[in-house]
N, C-alpha and C. Protein backbone atom coordinates (compact mmCIF):
# COMPACT_ATOMS: atom_id res chain seq x y z
N UNK A 1 6.63 0.19 18.12
CA UNK A 1 5.95 -1.09 18.11
C UNK A 1 6.35 -1.87 16.86
N UNK A 2 6.70 -3.13 17.06
CA UNK A 2 7.07 -4.00 15.93
C UNK A 2 6.00 -5.06 15.75
N UNK A 3 5.75 -5.40 14.50
CA UNK A 3 4.90 -6.55 14.22
C UNK A 3 5.26 -7.13 12.86
N UNK A 4 4.85 -8.37 12.66
CA UNK A 4 5.16 -9.07 11.42
C UNK A 4 3.88 -9.38 10.67
N UNK A 5 3.89 -9.07 9.39
CA UNK A 5 2.78 -9.37 8.50
C UNK A 5 3.28 -10.36 7.45
N UNK A 6 2.46 -11.35 7.18
CA UNK A 6 2.73 -12.27 6.08
C UNK A 6 1.82 -11.87 4.93
N UNK A 7 2.41 -11.64 3.77
CA UNK A 7 1.63 -11.32 2.58
C UNK A 7 2.04 -12.28 1.47
N UNK A 8 1.29 -12.25 0.39
CA UNK A 8 1.64 -13.06 -0.77
C UNK A 8 2.12 -12.15 -1.89
N UNK A 9 3.06 -12.68 -2.66
CA UNK A 9 3.54 -11.99 -3.86
C UNK A 9 3.49 -12.97 -5.02
N UNK A 10 3.36 -12.43 -6.22
CA UNK A 10 3.47 -13.24 -7.43
C UNK A 10 4.79 -12.93 -8.09
N UNK A 11 5.54 -13.99 -8.35
CA UNK A 11 6.77 -13.89 -9.13
C UNK A 11 6.47 -14.66 -10.40
N UNK A 12 6.16 -13.93 -11.47
CA UNK A 12 5.63 -14.59 -12.67
C UNK A 12 4.25 -15.14 -12.32
N UNK A 13 4.08 -16.44 -12.47
CA UNK A 13 2.81 -17.08 -12.11
C UNK A 13 2.89 -17.78 -10.76
N UNK A 14 4.06 -17.74 -10.12
CA UNK A 14 4.30 -18.45 -8.87
C UNK A 14 3.93 -17.58 -7.67
N UNK A 15 2.99 -18.05 -6.83
CA UNK A 15 2.61 -17.34 -5.61
C UNK A 15 3.56 -17.76 -4.50
N UNK A 16 4.11 -16.77 -3.80
CA UNK A 16 5.05 -17.01 -2.71
C UNK A 16 4.65 -16.17 -1.50
N UNK A 17 5.08 -16.61 -0.33
CA UNK A 17 4.91 -15.79 0.86
C UNK A 17 6.08 -14.81 0.96
N UNK A 18 5.79 -13.67 1.57
CA UNK A 18 6.82 -12.69 1.91
C UNK A 18 6.46 -12.18 3.30
N UNK A 19 7.47 -11.72 4.02
CA UNK A 19 7.24 -11.26 5.39
C UNK A 19 7.67 -9.81 5.50
N UNK A 20 6.84 -9.06 6.20
CA UNK A 20 7.11 -7.64 6.44
C UNK A 20 7.23 -7.45 7.94
N UNK A 21 8.43 -7.14 8.41
CA UNK A 21 8.63 -6.80 9.82
C UNK A 21 8.55 -5.28 9.92
N UNK A 22 7.47 -4.83 10.54
CA UNK A 22 7.15 -3.41 10.58
C UNK A 22 7.56 -2.82 11.93
N UNK A 23 8.37 -1.79 11.87
CA UNK A 23 8.78 -1.07 13.08
C UNK A 23 8.19 0.32 12.99
N UNK A 24 7.10 0.54 13.72
CA UNK A 24 6.38 1.82 13.65
C UNK A 24 7.15 2.95 14.31
N UNK A 25 7.99 2.64 15.27
CA UNK A 25 8.80 3.70 15.92
C UNK A 25 9.87 4.23 14.98
N UNK A 26 10.51 3.32 14.26
CA UNK A 26 11.59 3.72 13.35
C UNK A 26 11.09 3.98 11.93
N UNK A 27 9.80 3.75 11.69
CA UNK A 27 9.19 3.91 10.36
C UNK A 27 9.97 3.13 9.31
N UNK A 28 10.12 1.84 9.60
CA UNK A 28 10.83 0.95 8.67
C UNK A 28 10.03 -0.34 8.46
N UNK A 29 10.27 -0.95 7.31
CA UNK A 29 9.77 -2.29 7.02
C UNK A 29 10.96 -3.11 6.56
N UNK A 30 11.15 -4.26 7.18
CA UNK A 30 12.14 -5.22 6.73
C UNK A 30 11.38 -6.23 5.88
N UNK A 31 11.67 -6.24 4.58
CA UNK A 31 11.06 -7.19 3.66
C UNK A 31 11.93 -8.44 3.60
N UNK A 32 11.31 -9.61 3.78
CA UNK A 32 12.02 -10.88 3.62
C UNK A 32 11.24 -11.72 2.62
N UNK A 33 11.92 -12.11 1.54
CA UNK A 33 11.29 -12.94 0.51
C UNK A 33 11.50 -14.41 0.84
N UNK A 34 10.74 -15.27 0.18
CA UNK A 34 10.78 -16.70 0.49
C UNK A 34 12.14 -17.34 0.20
N UNK A 35 12.95 -16.70 -0.66
CA UNK A 35 14.29 -17.23 -0.94
C UNK A 35 15.32 -16.80 0.11
N UNK A 36 14.85 -16.05 1.14
CA UNK A 36 15.74 -15.63 2.22
C UNK A 36 16.30 -14.23 2.07
N UNK A 37 16.16 -13.63 0.88
CA UNK A 37 16.65 -12.28 0.65
C UNK A 37 15.87 -11.31 1.53
N UNK A 38 16.56 -10.32 2.11
CA UNK A 38 15.85 -9.31 2.90
C UNK A 38 16.54 -7.96 2.80
N UNK A 39 15.75 -6.93 3.02
CA UNK A 39 16.26 -5.56 2.99
C UNK A 39 15.29 -4.69 3.76
N UNK A 40 15.83 -3.69 4.47
CA UNK A 40 15.02 -2.74 5.22
C UNK A 40 14.75 -1.49 4.38
N UNK A 41 13.54 -0.97 4.53
CA UNK A 41 13.11 0.23 3.82
C UNK A 41 12.61 1.23 4.85
N UNK A 42 13.00 2.49 4.67
CA UNK A 42 12.61 3.54 5.59
C UNK A 42 11.81 4.59 4.83
N UNK A 43 10.84 5.22 5.52
CA UNK A 43 10.05 6.25 4.86
C UNK A 43 9.44 7.19 5.88
N UNK A 44 8.60 8.10 5.38
CA UNK A 44 7.95 9.06 6.28
C UNK A 44 6.79 8.41 7.04
N UNK A 45 6.28 7.29 6.52
CA UNK A 45 5.28 6.47 7.20
C UNK A 45 5.34 5.07 6.61
N UNK A 46 4.53 4.18 7.12
CA UNK A 46 4.59 2.78 6.68
C UNK A 46 4.12 2.63 5.23
N UNK A 47 3.11 3.39 4.84
CA UNK A 47 2.64 3.37 3.45
C UNK A 47 3.77 3.78 2.50
N UNK A 48 4.51 4.80 2.87
CA UNK A 48 5.64 5.27 2.07
C UNK A 48 6.72 4.19 1.97
N UNK A 49 7.02 3.53 3.08
CA UNK A 49 7.99 2.42 3.07
C UNK A 49 7.54 1.33 2.09
N UNK A 50 6.25 0.99 2.18
CA UNK A 50 5.74 -0.06 1.31
C UNK A 50 5.80 0.36 -0.15
N UNK A 51 5.56 1.63 -0.43
CA UNK A 51 5.69 2.13 -1.80
C UNK A 51 7.11 1.97 -2.33
N UNK A 52 8.09 2.19 -1.48
CA UNK A 52 9.49 2.00 -1.89
C UNK A 52 9.77 0.53 -2.21
N UNK A 53 9.17 -0.36 -1.43
CA UNK A 53 9.32 -1.80 -1.68
C UNK A 53 8.72 -2.15 -3.04
N UNK A 54 7.51 -1.68 -3.30
CA UNK A 54 6.83 -1.96 -4.57
C UNK A 54 7.67 -1.46 -5.74
N UNK A 55 8.16 -0.25 -5.62
CA UNK A 55 8.93 0.35 -6.72
C UNK A 55 10.22 -0.42 -6.99
N UNK A 56 10.91 -0.82 -5.94
CA UNK A 56 12.18 -1.54 -6.12
C UNK A 56 11.98 -2.95 -6.64
N UNK A 57 10.82 -3.53 -6.37
CA UNK A 57 10.56 -4.92 -6.78
C UNK A 57 9.44 -4.97 -7.80
N UNK A 58 9.59 -4.20 -8.88
CA UNK A 58 8.54 -4.12 -9.90
C UNK A 58 8.33 -5.45 -10.62
N UNK A 59 9.25 -6.40 -10.43
CA UNK A 59 9.09 -7.73 -11.02
C UNK A 59 8.12 -8.59 -10.20
N UNK A 60 7.77 -8.14 -9.00
CA UNK A 60 6.84 -8.88 -8.13
C UNK A 60 5.50 -8.16 -8.11
N UNK A 61 4.45 -8.93 -7.89
CA UNK A 61 3.11 -8.39 -7.70
C UNK A 61 2.75 -8.61 -6.24
N UNK A 62 2.63 -7.55 -5.47
CA UNK A 62 2.30 -7.64 -4.05
C UNK A 62 0.79 -7.73 -3.92
N UNK A 63 0.30 -8.84 -3.39
CA UNK A 63 -1.13 -9.10 -3.35
C UNK A 63 -1.75 -8.58 -2.06
N UNK A 64 -1.87 -7.26 -1.98
CA UNK A 64 -2.48 -6.64 -0.82
C UNK A 64 -3.01 -5.27 -1.20
N UNK A 65 -3.86 -4.73 -0.35
CA UNK A 65 -4.53 -3.45 -0.61
C UNK A 65 -3.54 -2.32 -0.87
N UNK A 66 -2.41 -2.32 -0.19
CA UNK A 66 -1.43 -1.25 -0.34
C UNK A 66 -0.79 -1.19 -1.71
N UNK A 67 -0.99 -2.21 -2.53
CA UNK A 67 -0.46 -2.23 -3.89
C UNK A 67 -1.55 -2.02 -4.94
N UNK A 68 -2.76 -1.67 -4.49
CA UNK A 68 -3.85 -1.40 -5.44
C UNK A 68 -3.76 0.03 -5.95
N UNK A 69 -4.12 0.19 -7.19
CA UNK A 69 -4.08 1.51 -7.83
C UNK A 69 -4.89 2.55 -7.06
N UNK A 70 -6.02 2.17 -6.50
CA UNK A 70 -6.93 3.16 -5.91
C UNK A 70 -6.84 3.26 -4.39
N UNK A 71 -5.76 2.78 -3.79
CA UNK A 71 -5.61 2.84 -2.33
C UNK A 71 -4.53 3.85 -1.96
N UNK A 72 -4.91 4.75 -1.06
CA UNK A 72 -3.96 5.79 -0.60
C UNK A 72 -4.49 6.36 0.72
N UNK A 73 -3.62 6.58 1.69
CA UNK A 73 -4.10 7.18 2.95
C UNK A 73 -4.36 8.67 2.78
N UNK A 74 -5.30 9.18 3.54
CA UNK A 74 -5.48 10.63 3.62
C UNK A 74 -4.36 11.17 4.53
N UNK A 75 -4.23 12.47 4.58
CA UNK A 75 -3.23 13.06 5.47
C UNK A 75 -3.49 12.65 6.91
N UNK A 76 -4.77 12.65 7.31
CA UNK A 76 -5.10 12.31 8.70
C UNK A 76 -4.83 10.83 8.98
N UNK A 77 -5.21 9.94 8.07
CA UNK A 77 -4.96 8.52 8.34
C UNK A 77 -3.46 8.21 8.29
N UNK A 78 -2.73 8.95 7.46
CA UNK A 78 -1.27 8.77 7.42
C UNK A 78 -0.65 9.16 8.76
N UNK A 79 -1.19 10.22 9.39
CA UNK A 79 -0.66 10.64 10.69
C UNK A 79 -1.12 9.73 11.81
N UNK A 80 -2.40 9.38 11.83
CA UNK A 80 -2.96 8.62 12.94
C UNK A 80 -2.58 7.15 12.92
N UNK A 81 -2.42 6.56 11.72
CA UNK A 81 -2.14 5.13 11.62
C UNK A 81 -0.79 4.86 10.95
N UNK A 82 -0.02 5.92 10.73
CA UNK A 82 1.27 5.83 10.03
C UNK A 82 1.11 5.26 8.62
N UNK A 83 -0.09 5.43 8.06
CA UNK A 83 -0.33 4.97 6.69
C UNK A 83 -0.72 3.51 6.58
N UNK A 84 -0.92 2.83 7.71
CA UNK A 84 -1.32 1.42 7.68
C UNK A 84 -2.80 1.31 7.27
N UNK A 85 -3.59 2.32 7.61
CA UNK A 85 -4.99 2.37 7.20
C UNK A 85 -5.10 3.43 6.11
N UNK A 86 -5.77 3.06 5.02
CA UNK A 86 -5.88 3.96 3.87
C UNK A 86 -7.29 3.86 3.29
N UNK A 87 -7.57 4.75 2.37
CA UNK A 87 -8.86 4.74 1.69
C UNK A 87 -8.74 3.98 0.37
N UNK A 88 -9.74 3.16 0.10
CA UNK A 88 -9.88 2.52 -1.21
C UNK A 88 -10.91 3.35 -1.97
N UNK A 89 -10.42 4.24 -2.82
CA UNK A 89 -11.27 5.23 -3.48
C UNK A 89 -11.91 4.70 -4.75
N UNK A 90 -13.09 5.24 -5.06
CA UNK A 90 -13.81 4.92 -6.29
C UNK A 90 -14.11 6.23 -7.00
N UNK A 91 -13.80 6.28 -8.29
CA UNK A 91 -14.03 7.50 -9.05
C UNK A 91 -15.48 7.95 -8.89
N UNK A 92 -15.67 9.25 -8.64
CA UNK A 92 -17.00 9.83 -8.52
C UNK A 92 -17.65 9.68 -7.16
N UNK A 93 -17.01 8.98 -6.23
CA UNK A 93 -17.58 8.78 -4.90
C UNK A 93 -16.66 9.35 -3.83
N UNK A 94 -17.20 10.24 -2.98
CA UNK A 94 -16.37 10.76 -1.89
C UNK A 94 -15.96 9.63 -0.94
N UNK A 95 -14.83 9.78 -0.31
CA UNK A 95 -14.34 8.78 0.64
C UNK A 95 -15.21 8.79 1.89
N UNK A 96 -15.39 7.61 2.47
CA UNK A 96 -16.13 7.50 3.73
C UNK A 96 -15.48 6.41 4.57
N UNK A 97 -15.93 6.28 5.80
CA UNK A 97 -15.36 5.27 6.70
C UNK A 97 -15.43 3.87 6.12
N UNK A 98 -16.48 3.60 5.34
CA UNK A 98 -16.64 2.26 4.74
C UNK A 98 -15.52 1.94 3.76
N UNK A 99 -14.80 2.96 3.30
CA UNK A 99 -13.72 2.77 2.34
C UNK A 99 -12.36 2.57 2.98
N UNK A 100 -12.30 2.57 4.32
CA UNK A 100 -11.02 2.39 5.00
C UNK A 100 -10.58 0.92 4.95
N UNK A 101 -9.32 0.69 4.62
CA UNK A 101 -8.76 -0.66 4.53
C UNK A 101 -7.38 -0.69 5.19
N UNK A 102 -6.98 -1.87 5.62
CA UNK A 102 -5.61 -2.08 6.08
C UNK A 102 -4.77 -2.38 4.84
N UNK A 103 -3.68 -1.68 4.67
CA UNK A 103 -2.89 -1.84 3.43
C UNK A 103 -2.29 -3.23 3.27
N UNK A 104 -2.25 -4.02 4.35
CA UNK A 104 -1.68 -5.36 4.24
C UNK A 104 -2.72 -6.46 4.08
N UNK A 105 -4.01 -6.08 4.01
CA UNK A 105 -5.05 -7.07 3.74
C UNK A 105 -4.92 -7.58 2.31
N UNK A 106 -5.26 -8.84 2.11
CA UNK A 106 -5.12 -9.48 0.80
C UNK A 106 -6.02 -8.84 -0.24
N UNK A 107 -5.48 -8.66 -1.43
CA UNK A 107 -6.25 -8.26 -2.61
C UNK A 107 -5.41 -8.61 -3.82
N UNK A 108 -6.08 -8.99 -4.91
CA UNK A 108 -5.33 -9.33 -6.12
C UNK A 108 -5.88 -8.62 -7.36
N UNK A 109 -6.69 -7.58 -7.14
CA UNK A 109 -7.29 -6.84 -8.25
C UNK A 109 -6.62 -5.48 -8.42
N UNK A 110 -6.33 -5.11 -9.68
CA UNK A 110 -5.80 -3.80 -10.03
C UNK A 110 -4.52 -3.46 -9.27
N UNK A 111 -3.63 -4.44 -9.19
CA UNK A 111 -2.35 -4.29 -8.48
C UNK A 111 -1.35 -3.56 -9.39
N UNK A 112 -0.64 -2.62 -8.80
CA UNK A 112 0.35 -1.82 -9.55
C UNK A 112 1.77 -2.23 -9.14
N UNK A 113 2.73 -1.82 -9.95
CA UNK A 113 4.13 -2.08 -9.59
C UNK A 113 4.93 -0.77 -9.56
N UNK A 114 4.21 0.36 -9.51
CA UNK A 114 4.85 1.67 -9.39
C UNK A 114 3.92 2.57 -8.59
N UNK A 115 4.35 3.03 -7.40
CA UNK A 115 3.49 3.86 -6.56
C UNK A 115 3.05 5.17 -7.23
N UNK A 116 3.74 5.60 -8.27
CA UNK A 116 3.32 6.80 -8.99
C UNK A 116 1.92 6.61 -9.58
N UNK A 117 1.58 5.38 -9.94
CA UNK A 117 0.25 5.10 -10.48
C UNK A 117 -0.84 5.33 -9.43
N UNK A 118 -0.51 5.08 -8.15
CA UNK A 118 -1.46 5.37 -7.08
C UNK A 118 -1.64 6.88 -6.93
N UNK A 119 -0.56 7.61 -7.01
CA UNK A 119 -0.63 9.08 -6.91
C UNK A 119 -1.45 9.63 -8.08
N UNK A 120 -1.20 9.13 -9.28
CA UNK A 120 -1.96 9.57 -10.46
C UNK A 120 -3.45 9.29 -10.28
N UNK A 121 -3.78 8.10 -9.79
CA UNK A 121 -5.18 7.74 -9.58
C UNK A 121 -5.81 8.67 -8.53
N UNK A 122 -5.06 8.97 -7.47
CA UNK A 122 -5.58 9.83 -6.41
C UNK A 122 -5.99 11.19 -6.99
N UNK A 123 -5.15 11.79 -7.84
CA UNK A 123 -5.50 13.09 -8.40
C UNK A 123 -6.67 12.96 -9.37
N UNK A 124 -6.76 11.87 -10.10
CA UNK A 124 -7.90 11.61 -10.96
C UNK A 124 -9.17 11.48 -10.12
N UNK A 125 -9.07 10.77 -9.00
CA UNK A 125 -10.20 10.61 -8.09
C UNK A 125 -10.62 11.96 -7.51
N UNK A 126 -9.65 12.78 -7.07
CA UNK A 126 -9.96 14.10 -6.52
C UNK A 126 -10.75 14.92 -7.54
N UNK A 127 -10.31 14.88 -8.79
CA UNK A 127 -11.00 15.60 -9.86
C UNK A 127 -12.42 15.06 -10.05
N UNK A 128 -12.57 13.75 -9.91
CA UNK A 128 -13.88 13.12 -10.15
C UNK A 128 -14.91 13.46 -9.06
N UNK A 129 -14.45 13.85 -7.88
CA UNK A 129 -15.41 14.19 -6.82
C UNK A 129 -15.56 15.69 -6.63
N UNK A 130 -14.84 16.45 -7.39
CA UNK A 130 -14.91 17.92 -7.26
C UNK A 130 -16.35 18.41 -7.40
N UNK A 131 -17.06 17.96 -8.43
CA UNK A 131 -18.44 18.40 -8.65
C UNK A 131 -19.41 17.78 -7.65
N UNK A 132 -19.06 16.62 -7.09
CA UNK A 132 -19.94 15.94 -6.13
C UNK A 132 -20.06 16.76 -4.87
N UNK A 133 -18.97 17.40 -4.44
CA UNK A 133 -18.96 18.17 -3.21
C UNK A 133 -19.70 19.49 -3.30
N UNK A 134 -19.92 19.98 -4.49
CA UNK A 134 -20.54 21.30 -4.65
C UNK A 134 -22.04 21.23 -4.60
């Protein structure tokens, strides 16, 4: 299944549109920037593809949930939604359905430019809920 998402990016202080052509069968995203530049990214799921885009374009700020420090799919959501639906985690609070977000929904808070920061936050979050579960 293919679909197109329009998102916003910041290049310096300039807000621009960018387009993501998502192919869920091939697990690819074709990124097209407003200047016409485009490139396809492949990954194990759509979230992974988007992480590769963020890492390669660290000069841009992607204004969506998938670029937030505290957003990451669980193993199950990565399998069931190919990583398009993820959890927006809060330190000290276990994940729940209310925390599910679409990674392409707009957000401009706590945006990262390296997916490793999301992984680091995830492990910090896991540690923060360890005592909550007991």
